[in-house]
């Protein structure tokens, strides 16, 4: 999923913090729903493109043998939604702080 954030450049330290928030929230959502021992593969890929505008490529790959493909996809969607919400919330807080 590629998301065009349409923002001006953000300091690298802040971007690192935001990306950590994104990944941690995705993992947290997955691990809240499924015990770690049942997951055979969890790969979270985040790419940030900082050309003229900021864009984010965020993907989750998940393998859980005991779940159907639809259940896994639903969990991936939920994890991405919650992680993006936390990311956007922190990004807005940063933007408000920068405009003061």
N, C-alpha and C. Protein backbone atom coordinates (compact mmCIF):
# COMPACT_ATOMS: atom_id res chain seq x y z
N UNK A 1 0.85 -1.17 0.00
CA UNK A 1 0.00 0.00 0.00
C UNK A 1 0.89 1.23 0.00
N UNK A 2 0.75 2.08 -1.01
CA UNK A 2 1.54 3.30 -1.09
C UNK A 2 0.63 4.48 -0.71
N UNK A 3 1.12 5.29 0.20
CA UNK A 3 0.36 6.42 0.69
C UNK A 3 1.14 7.69 0.43
N UNK A 4 0.55 8.62 -0.31
CA UNK A 4 1.17 9.91 -0.57
C UNK A 4 0.78 10.83 0.57
N UNK A 5 1.76 11.18 1.39
CA UNK A 5 1.48 12.02 2.55
C UNK A 5 1.46 13.49 2.19
N UNK A 6 2.01 13.84 1.03
CA UNK A 6 1.95 15.21 0.55
C UNK A 6 2.54 16.24 1.51
N UNK A 7 3.58 15.88 2.21
CA UNK A 7 4.16 16.78 3.19
C UNK A 7 5.51 17.29 2.74
N UNK A 8 5.88 18.42 3.28
CA UNK A 8 7.22 18.93 3.06
C UNK A 8 8.20 18.06 3.85
N UNK A 9 9.48 18.14 3.55
CA UNK A 9 10.47 17.31 4.25
C UNK A 9 10.38 17.44 5.78
N UNK A 10 10.60 16.31 6.42
CA UNK A 10 10.57 16.21 7.88
C UNK A 10 11.96 15.78 8.32
N UNK A 11 12.46 16.31 9.43
CA UNK A 11 13.80 15.91 9.89
C UNK A 11 13.92 14.39 10.04
N UNK A 12 15.10 13.88 9.71
CA UNK A 12 15.33 12.44 9.72
C UNK A 12 15.06 11.81 11.08
N UNK A 13 15.42 12.48 12.16
CA UNK A 13 15.18 11.93 13.50
C UNK A 13 13.69 11.73 13.75
N UNK A 14 12.89 12.68 13.30
CA UNK A 14 11.44 12.59 13.48
C UNK A 14 10.87 11.48 12.61
N UNK A 15 11.37 11.35 11.39
CA UNK A 15 10.92 10.28 10.51
C UNK A 15 11.23 8.91 11.12
N UNK A 16 12.43 8.76 11.67
CA UNK A 16 12.80 7.50 12.32
C UNK A 16 11.83 7.17 13.45
N UNK A 17 11.52 8.17 14.25
CA UNK A 17 10.59 7.98 15.37
C UNK A 17 9.20 7.57 14.86
N UNK A 18 8.74 8.21 13.81
CA UNK A 18 7.43 7.90 13.25
C UNK A 18 7.38 6.49 12.65
N UNK A 19 8.46 6.08 12.00
CA UNK A 19 8.51 4.74 11.41
C UNK A 19 8.55 3.66 12.48
N UNK A 20 9.23 3.94 13.58
CA UNK A 20 9.24 2.99 14.71
C UNK A 20 7.83 2.85 15.27
N UNK A 21 7.11 3.95 15.39
CA UNK A 21 5.73 3.92 15.87
C UNK A 21 4.87 3.09 14.92
N UNK A 22 5.05 3.27 13.63
CA UNK A 22 4.29 2.53 12.64
C UNK A 22 4.53 1.02 12.78
N UNK A 23 5.78 0.62 12.83
CA UNK A 23 6.09 -0.81 12.94
C UNK A 23 5.63 -1.39 14.27
N UNK A 24 5.89 -0.71 15.36
CA UNK A 24 5.50 -1.23 16.68
C UNK A 24 3.98 -1.43 16.78
N UNK A 25 3.23 -0.49 16.24
CA UNK A 25 1.77 -0.63 16.31
C UNK A 25 1.27 -1.76 15.44
N UNK A 26 1.88 -1.99 14.30
CA UNK A 26 1.50 -3.12 13.45
C UNK A 26 1.77 -4.43 14.18
N UNK A 27 2.97 -4.58 14.73
CA UNK A 27 3.32 -5.80 15.46
C UNK A 27 2.40 -6.01 16.67
N UNK A 28 2.17 -4.94 17.39
CA UNK A 28 1.32 -5.02 18.58
C UNK A 28 -0.06 -5.56 18.23
N UNK A 29 -0.65 -5.06 17.17
CA UNK A 29 -1.98 -5.52 16.76
C UNK A 29 -1.95 -7.00 16.41
N UNK A 30 -0.95 -7.43 15.66
CA UNK A 30 -0.85 -8.84 15.28
C UNK A 30 -0.71 -9.70 16.54
N UNK A 31 0.20 -9.31 17.43
CA UNK A 31 0.46 -10.12 18.62
C UNK A 31 -0.67 -10.07 19.65
N UNK A 32 -1.51 -9.06 19.58
CA UNK A 32 -2.70 -9.03 20.45
C UNK A 32 -3.73 -10.06 20.01
N UNK A 33 -3.75 -10.35 18.73
CA UNK A 33 -4.75 -11.27 18.17
C UNK A 33 -4.25 -12.71 18.08
N UNK A 34 -2.95 -12.89 17.89
CA UNK A 34 -2.39 -14.23 17.67
C UNK A 34 -1.11 -14.36 18.50
N UNK A 35 -0.99 -15.48 19.22
CA UNK A 35 0.22 -15.71 20.01
C UNK A 35 1.42 -15.86 19.08
N UNK A 36 2.57 -15.33 19.50
CA UNK A 36 3.79 -15.36 18.69
C UNK A 36 4.14 -16.77 18.22
N UNK A 37 3.89 -17.76 19.04
CA UNK A 37 4.28 -19.14 18.70
C UNK A 37 3.49 -19.69 17.51
N UNK A 38 2.34 -19.11 17.21
CA UNK A 38 1.51 -19.59 16.09
C UNK A 38 1.89 -18.92 14.76
N UNK A 39 2.72 -17.90 14.82
CA UNK A 39 3.12 -17.16 13.63
C UNK A 39 4.42 -17.75 13.10
N UNK A 40 4.40 -18.19 11.84
CA UNK A 40 5.63 -18.74 11.26
C UNK A 40 6.41 -17.67 10.49
N UNK A 41 5.75 -16.60 10.08
CA UNK A 41 6.45 -15.53 9.37
C UNK A 41 5.70 -14.23 9.54
N UNK A 42 6.43 -13.19 9.92
CA UNK A 42 5.88 -11.84 10.00
C UNK A 42 6.94 -10.90 9.45
N UNK A 43 6.62 -10.27 8.34
CA UNK A 43 7.55 -9.35 7.70
C UNK A 43 6.82 -8.02 7.49
N UNK A 44 7.37 -6.98 8.09
CA UNK A 44 6.81 -5.65 7.93
C UNK A 44 7.81 -4.82 7.12
N UNK A 45 7.35 -4.35 5.98
CA UNK A 45 8.20 -3.58 5.08
C UNK A 45 7.70 -2.14 5.01
N UNK A 46 8.62 -1.22 5.27
CA UNK A 46 8.28 0.20 5.23
C UNK A 46 9.34 0.92 4.41
N UNK A 47 8.89 1.59 3.35
CA UNK A 47 9.78 2.40 2.54
C UNK A 47 9.26 3.82 2.54
N UNK A 48 10.17 4.72 2.71
CA UNK A 48 9.81 6.14 2.72
C UNK A 48 10.49 6.80 1.54
N UNK A 49 9.71 7.53 0.75
CA UNK A 49 10.23 8.25 -0.39
C UNK A 49 10.13 9.73 -0.07
N UNK A 50 11.26 10.41 -0.10
CA UNK A 50 11.27 11.82 0.26
C UNK A 50 11.68 12.68 -0.93
N UNK A 51 11.01 12.52 -2.06
CA UNK A 51 11.29 13.37 -3.21
C UNK A 51 10.68 14.74 -2.94
N UNK A 52 9.81 15.21 -3.82
CA UNK A 52 9.16 16.50 -3.62
C UNK A 52 8.14 16.45 -2.49
N UNK A 53 7.46 15.32 -2.38
CA UNK A 53 6.53 15.11 -1.27
C UNK A 53 6.89 13.80 -0.59
N UNK A 54 6.42 13.64 0.61
CA UNK A 54 6.69 12.45 1.40
C UNK A 54 5.66 11.38 1.07
N UNK A 55 6.13 10.18 0.71
CA UNK A 55 5.20 9.07 0.47
C UNK A 55 5.71 7.84 1.21
N UNK A 56 4.79 6.98 1.55
CA UNK A 56 5.07 5.83 2.39
C UNK A 56 4.57 4.57 1.71
N UNK A 57 5.43 3.56 1.61
CA UNK A 57 5.04 2.25 1.09
C UNK A 57 5.11 1.29 2.28
N UNK A 58 3.97 0.76 2.67
CA UNK A 58 3.84 -0.01 3.90
C UNK A 58 3.17 -1.34 3.58
N UNK A 59 3.84 -2.44 3.88
CA UNK A 59 3.29 -3.76 3.60
C UNK A 59 3.55 -4.69 4.78
N UNK A 60 2.63 -5.62 4.98
CA UNK A 60 2.79 -6.65 6.00
C UNK A 60 2.57 -8.00 5.33
N UNK A 61 3.51 -8.90 5.53
CA UNK A 61 3.36 -10.28 5.08
C UNK A 61 3.29 -11.14 6.33
N UNK A 62 2.32 -12.03 6.36
CA UNK A 62 2.05 -12.79 7.57
C UNK A 62 1.67 -14.22 7.21
N UNK A 63 2.28 -15.18 7.90
CA UNK A 63 1.94 -16.58 7.71
C UNK A 63 1.56 -17.19 9.06
N UNK A 64 0.33 -17.68 9.11
CA UNK A 64 -0.18 -18.35 10.31
C UNK A 64 -0.90 -19.60 9.83
N UNK A 65 -0.26 -20.77 9.95
CA UNK A 65 -0.84 -21.99 9.41
C UNK A 65 -2.26 -22.31 9.90
N UNK A 66 -2.59 -21.90 11.10
CA UNK A 66 -3.89 -22.24 11.68
C UNK A 66 -5.03 -21.32 11.25
N UNK A 67 -4.72 -20.30 10.44
CA UNK A 67 -5.74 -19.34 10.02
C UNK A 67 -5.95 -19.42 8.52
N UNK A 68 -7.18 -19.09 8.10
CA UNK A 68 -7.48 -19.05 6.67
C UNK A 68 -6.85 -17.81 6.06
N UNK A 69 -6.72 -17.81 4.74
CA UNK A 69 -6.17 -16.65 4.04
C UNK A 69 -7.00 -15.40 4.32
N UNK A 70 -8.32 -15.55 4.38
CA UNK A 70 -9.19 -14.40 4.64
C UNK A 70 -8.97 -13.86 6.05
N UNK A 71 -8.83 -14.75 7.03
CA UNK A 71 -8.57 -14.31 8.41
C UNK A 71 -7.23 -13.58 8.49
N UNK A 72 -6.24 -14.10 7.79
CA UNK A 72 -4.92 -13.46 7.79
C UNK A 72 -5.00 -12.08 7.13
N UNK A 73 -5.69 -12.01 6.01
CA UNK A 73 -5.82 -10.71 5.32
C UNK A 73 -6.58 -9.71 6.19
N UNK A 74 -7.61 -10.16 6.88
CA UNK A 74 -8.35 -9.28 7.79
C UNK A 74 -7.44 -8.77 8.91
N UNK A 75 -6.60 -9.63 9.44
CA UNK A 75 -5.67 -9.23 10.49
C UNK A 75 -4.64 -8.25 9.95
N UNK A 76 -4.13 -8.51 8.76
CA UNK A 76 -3.18 -7.58 8.14
C UNK A 76 -3.82 -6.20 7.95
N UNK A 77 -5.04 -6.19 7.45
CA UNK A 77 -5.74 -4.91 7.25
C UNK A 77 -5.94 -4.17 8.57
N UNK A 78 -6.33 -4.90 9.60
CA UNK A 78 -6.53 -4.29 10.92
C UNK A 78 -5.21 -3.73 11.46
N UNK A 79 -4.13 -4.51 11.33
CA UNK A 79 -2.82 -4.06 11.82
C UNK A 79 -2.36 -2.82 11.07
N UNK A 80 -2.57 -2.81 9.75
CA UNK A 80 -2.16 -1.64 8.96
C UNK A 80 -2.99 -0.42 9.33
N UNK A 81 -4.29 -0.60 9.48
CA UNK A 81 -5.16 0.52 9.84
C UNK A 81 -4.76 1.13 11.18
N UNK A 82 -4.54 0.29 12.18
CA UNK A 82 -4.19 0.79 13.51
C UNK A 82 -2.81 1.44 13.51
N UNK A 83 -1.87 0.84 12.79
CA UNK A 83 -0.52 1.41 12.72
C UNK A 83 -0.53 2.75 12.01
N UNK A 84 -1.27 2.84 10.91
CA UNK A 84 -1.35 4.10 10.17
C UNK A 84 -2.05 5.18 10.98
N UNK A 85 -3.06 4.79 11.74
CA UNK A 85 -3.74 5.76 12.60
C UNK A 85 -2.75 6.35 13.62
N UNK A 86 -1.97 5.48 14.26
CA UNK A 86 -0.98 5.95 15.24
C UNK A 86 0.07 6.83 14.57
N UNK A 87 0.52 6.42 13.39
CA UNK A 87 1.50 7.19 12.63
C UNK A 87 0.96 8.58 12.31
N UNK A 88 -0.26 8.63 11.77
CA UNK A 88 -0.87 9.91 11.41
C UNK A 88 -1.09 10.80 12.62
N UNK A 89 -1.49 10.20 13.74
CA UNK A 89 -1.71 10.95 14.97
C UNK A 89 -0.41 11.62 15.42
N UNK A 90 0.68 10.85 15.42
CA UNK A 90 1.97 11.41 15.83
C UNK A 90 2.48 12.44 14.83
N UNK A 91 2.22 12.21 13.57
CA UNK A 91 2.62 13.15 12.53
C UNK A 91 1.89 14.49 12.71
N UNK A 92 0.61 14.44 13.01
CA UNK A 92 -0.16 15.67 13.24
C UNK A 92 0.36 16.40 14.47
N UNK A 93 0.70 15.66 15.53
CA UNK A 93 1.26 16.29 16.73
C UNK A 93 2.57 17.01 16.38
N UNK A 94 3.40 16.37 15.56
CA UNK A 94 4.66 16.97 15.16
C UNK A 94 4.41 18.24 14.35
N UNK A 95 3.46 18.17 13.41
CA UNK A 95 3.17 19.32 12.56
C UNK A 95 2.66 20.49 13.40
N UNK A 96 1.81 20.23 14.38
CA UNK A 96 1.30 21.30 15.23
C UNK A 96 2.44 21.93 16.02
N UNK A 97 3.35 21.09 16.51
CA UNK A 97 4.49 21.58 17.27
C UNK A 97 5.39 22.45 16.39
N UNK A 98 5.55 22.08 15.13
CA UNK A 98 6.41 22.82 14.21
C UNK A 98 5.80 24.15 13.80
N UNK A 99 4.48 24.26 13.80
CA UNK A 99 3.85 25.50 13.37
C UNK A 99 3.72 26.51 14.51
N UNK A 100 4.05 26.11 15.71
CA UNK A 100 3.97 27.03 16.85
C UNK A 100 5.18 27.89 16.94
